[in-house]
Amino acid sequence: MKPLGDSKAHFWLAQRMAQATDTDLVAAMEQAELSQEDWAEMVLECRGCDWTGGCKRWLDRHTDSLVDEAPEHCVNRARFQKLKKALEALE
């Protein structure tokens, strides 16, 4: 079994991915589209991801621009897409 990555580091990677994909996590929580348990599970999935180095490089290249979706290698890609679509539907 592969050991999980650092909790704090992956919390911030997931936060940065949400920002890069213009996924408003606060709004998602306020609209009951994302629970604390869901968020914790996303961070846990991130901690187990093998693409951490690539993720950091990808995020560093997208600090000043937003993208429509997370890269294919992101283990939370589908979750970010689902949250964005749910929030867009509420607008």
C-alpha atoms as a PDB file:
ATOM      1  CA  MET A   1       0.000   0.000   0.000  1.00  0.00           C
ATOM      2  CA  LYS A   2       1.218   3.458  -0.884  1.00  0.00           C
ATOM      3  CA  PRO A   3       1.389   5.873   2.087  1.00  0.00           C
ATOM      4  CA  LEU A   4      -0.890   8.898   1.884  1.00  0.00           C
ATOM      5  CA  GLY A   5       0.582  12.322   1.243  1.00  0.00           C
ATOM      6  CA  ASP A   6       0.714  15.130   3.775  1.00  0.00           C
ATOM      7  CA  SER A   7      -2.771  16.306   4.789  1.00  0.00           C
ATOM      8  CA  LYS A   8      -2.000  20.035   4.742  1.00  0.00           C
ATOM      9  CA  ALA A   9      -0.150  19.911   1.438  1.00  0.00           C
ATOM     10  CA  HIS A  10      -2.991  18.082  -0.272  1.00  0.00           C
ATOM     11  CA  PHE A  11      -5.624  20.302   1.322  1.00  0.00           C
ATOM     12  CA  TRP A  12      -3.908  23.243  -0.368  1.00  0.00           C
ATOM     13  CA  LEU A  13      -3.471  21.397  -3.667  1.00  0.00           C
ATOM     14  CA  ALA A  14      -7.199  20.678  -3.738  1.00  0.00           C
ATOM     15  CA  GLN A  15      -7.941  24.305  -2.823  1.00  0.00           C
ATOM     16  CA  ARG A  16      -5.671  25.543  -5.596  1.00  0.00           C
ATOM     17  CA  MET A  17      -7.294  23.172  -8.096  1.00  0.00           C
ATOM     18  CA  ALA A  18     -10.707  24.505  -7.106  1.00  0.00           C
ATOM     19  CA  GLN A  19      -9.462  28.052  -7.678  1.00  0.00           C
ATOM     20  CA  ALA A  20      -7.832  27.197 -11.013  1.00  0.00           C
ATOM     21  CA  THR A  21     -11.056  25.599 -12.239  1.00  0.00           C
ATOM     22  CA  ASP A  22     -13.189  28.448 -10.867  1.00  0.00           C
ATOM     23  CA  THR A  23     -15.019  26.057  -8.542  1.00  0.00           C
ATOM     24  CA  ASP A  24     -16.398  28.053  -5.629  1.00  0.00           C
ATOM     25  CA  LEU A  25     -16.154  25.674  -2.685  1.00  0.00           C
ATOM     26  CA  VAL A  26     -17.698  28.146  -0.240  1.00  0.00           C
ATOM     27  CA  ALA A  27     -20.747  28.623  -2.457  1.00  0.00           C
ATOM     28  CA  ALA A  28     -20.955  24.863  -2.945  1.00  0.00           C
ATOM     29  CA  MET A  29     -21.066  24.388   0.825  1.00  0.00           C
ATOM     30  CA  GLU A  30     -23.550  27.224   1.314  1.00  0.00           C
ATOM     31  CA  GLN A  31     -25.817  25.706  -1.343  1.00  0.00           C
ATOM     32  CA  ALA A  32     -25.513  22.232   0.237  1.00  0.00           C
ATOM     33  CA  GLU A  33     -23.779  20.886  -2.875  1.00  0.00           C
ATOM     34  CA  LEU A  34     -20.651  20.030  -0.867  1.00  0.00           C
ATOM     35  CA  SER A  35     -20.651  18.730   2.693  1.00  0.00           C
ATOM     36  CA  GLN A  36     -17.719  18.704   5.094  1.00  0.00           C
ATOM     37  CA  GLU A  37     -17.560  14.932   4.581  1.00  0.00           C
ATOM     38  CA  ASP A  38     -17.451  15.366   0.792  1.00  0.00           C
ATOM     39  CA  TRP A  39     -14.632  17.881   1.087  1.00  0.00           C
ATOM     40  CA  ALA A  40     -12.698  15.625   3.467  1.00  0.00           C
ATOM     41  CA  GLU A  41     -13.098  12.767   0.991  1.00  0.00           C
ATOM     42  CA  MET A  42     -11.784  14.957  -1.844  1.00  0.00           C
ATOM     43  CA  VAL A  43      -8.693  15.830   0.188  1.00  0.00           C
ATOM     44  CA  LEU A  44      -8.228  12.166   1.097  1.00  0.00           C
ATOM     45  CA  GLU A  45      -8.438  11.189  -2.588  1.00  0.00           C
ATOM     46  CA  CYS A  46      -5.870  13.871  -3.356  1.00  0.00           C
ATOM     47  CA  ARG A  47      -3.573  12.497  -0.640  1.00  0.00           C
ATOM     48  CA  GLY A  48      -3.601   9.108  -2.351  1.00  0.00           C
ATOM     49  CA  CYS A  49      -2.953  10.471  -5.840  1.00  0.00           C
ATOM     50  CA  ASP A  50       0.193   9.464  -7.720  1.00  0.00           C
ATOM     51  CA  TRP A  51       0.209  12.673  -9.808  1.00  0.00           C
ATOM     52  CA  THR A  52       1.202  15.118  -7.044  1.00  0.00           C
ATOM     53  CA  GLY A  53       4.347  16.395  -8.787  1.00  0.00           C
ATOM     54  CA  GLY A  54       2.499  16.900 -12.058  1.00  0.00           C
ATOM     55  CA  CYS A  55      -0.361  18.576 -10.219  1.00  0.00           C
ATOM     56  CA  LYS A  56       1.964  21.082  -8.576  1.00  0.00           C
ATOM     57  CA  ARG A  57       3.582  21.914 -11.919  1.00  0.00           C
ATOM     58  CA  TRP A  58       0.181  22.211 -13.631  1.00  0.00           C
ATOM     59  CA  LEU A  59      -1.127  24.505 -10.896  1.00  0.00           C
ATOM     60  CA  ASP A  60       2.021  26.645 -11.042  1.00  0.00           C
ATOM     61  CA  ARG A  61       1.391  27.165 -14.772  1.00  0.00           C
ATOM     62  CA  HIS A  62      -2.236  28.192 -14.140  1.00  0.00           C
ATOM     63  CA  THR A  63      -1.864  30.681 -11.301  1.00  0.00           C
ATOM     64  CA  ASP A  64      -3.077  33.672 -13.316  1.00  0.00           C
ATOM     65  CA  SER A  65      -5.663  32.045 -15.551  1.00  0.00           C
ATOM     66  CA  LEU A  66      -8.796  29.993 -15.055  1.00  0.00           C
ATOM     67  CA  VAL A  67      -9.525  26.770 -16.897  1.00  0.00           C
ATOM     68  CA  ASP A  68     -12.824  25.027 -17.605  1.00  0.00           C
ATOM     69  CA  GLU A  69     -11.862  21.786 -15.939  1.00  0.00           C
ATOM     70  CA  ALA A  70      -9.143  20.052 -13.988  1.00  0.00           C
ATOM     71  CA  PRO A  71      -6.589  18.027 -15.945  1.00  0.00           C
ATOM     72  CA  GLU A  72      -7.384  14.415 -16.774  1.00  0.00           C
ATOM     73  CA  HIS A  73      -4.903  13.148 -14.181  1.00  0.00           C
ATOM     74  CA  CYS A  74      -6.706  14.887 -11.293  1.00  0.00           C
ATOM     75  CA  VAL A  75      -8.483  12.319  -9.117  1.00  0.00           C
ATOM     76  CA  ASN A  76     -11.113  14.926  -8.235  1.00  0.00           C
ATOM     77  CA  ARG A  77     -11.710  16.124 -11.789  1.00  0.00           C
ATOM     78  CA  ALA A  78     -15.255  14.743 -11.979  1.00  0.00           C
ATOM     79  CA  ARG A  79     -16.127  16.174  -8.568  1.00  0.00           C
ATOM     80  CA  PHE A  80     -14.961  19.650  -9.526  1.00  0.00           C
ATOM     81  CA  GLN A  81     -16.975  19.424 -12.760  1.00  0.00           C
ATOM     82  CA  LYS A  82     -20.075  18.255 -10.885  1.00  0.00           C
ATOM     83  CA  LEU A  83     -19.812  21.078  -8.345  1.00  0.00           C
ATOM     84  CA  LYS A  84     -19.336  23.715 -11.056  1.00  0.00           C
ATOM     85  CA  LYS A  85     -22.342  22.453 -13.012  1.00  0.00           C
ATOM     86  CA  ALA A  86     -24.509  22.347  -9.885  1.00  0.00           C
ATOM     87  CA  LEU A  87     -23.584  25.926  -8.983  1.00  0.00           C
ATOM     88  CA  GLU A  88     -24.128  27.141 -12.541  1.00  0.00           C
ATOM     89  CA  ALA A  89     -27.591  25.568 -12.520  1.00  0.00           C
ATOM     90  CA  LEU A  90     -28.448  27.544  -9.388  1.00  0.00           C
ATOM     91  CA  GLU A  91     -27.505  30.891 -10.939  1.00  0.00           C
END
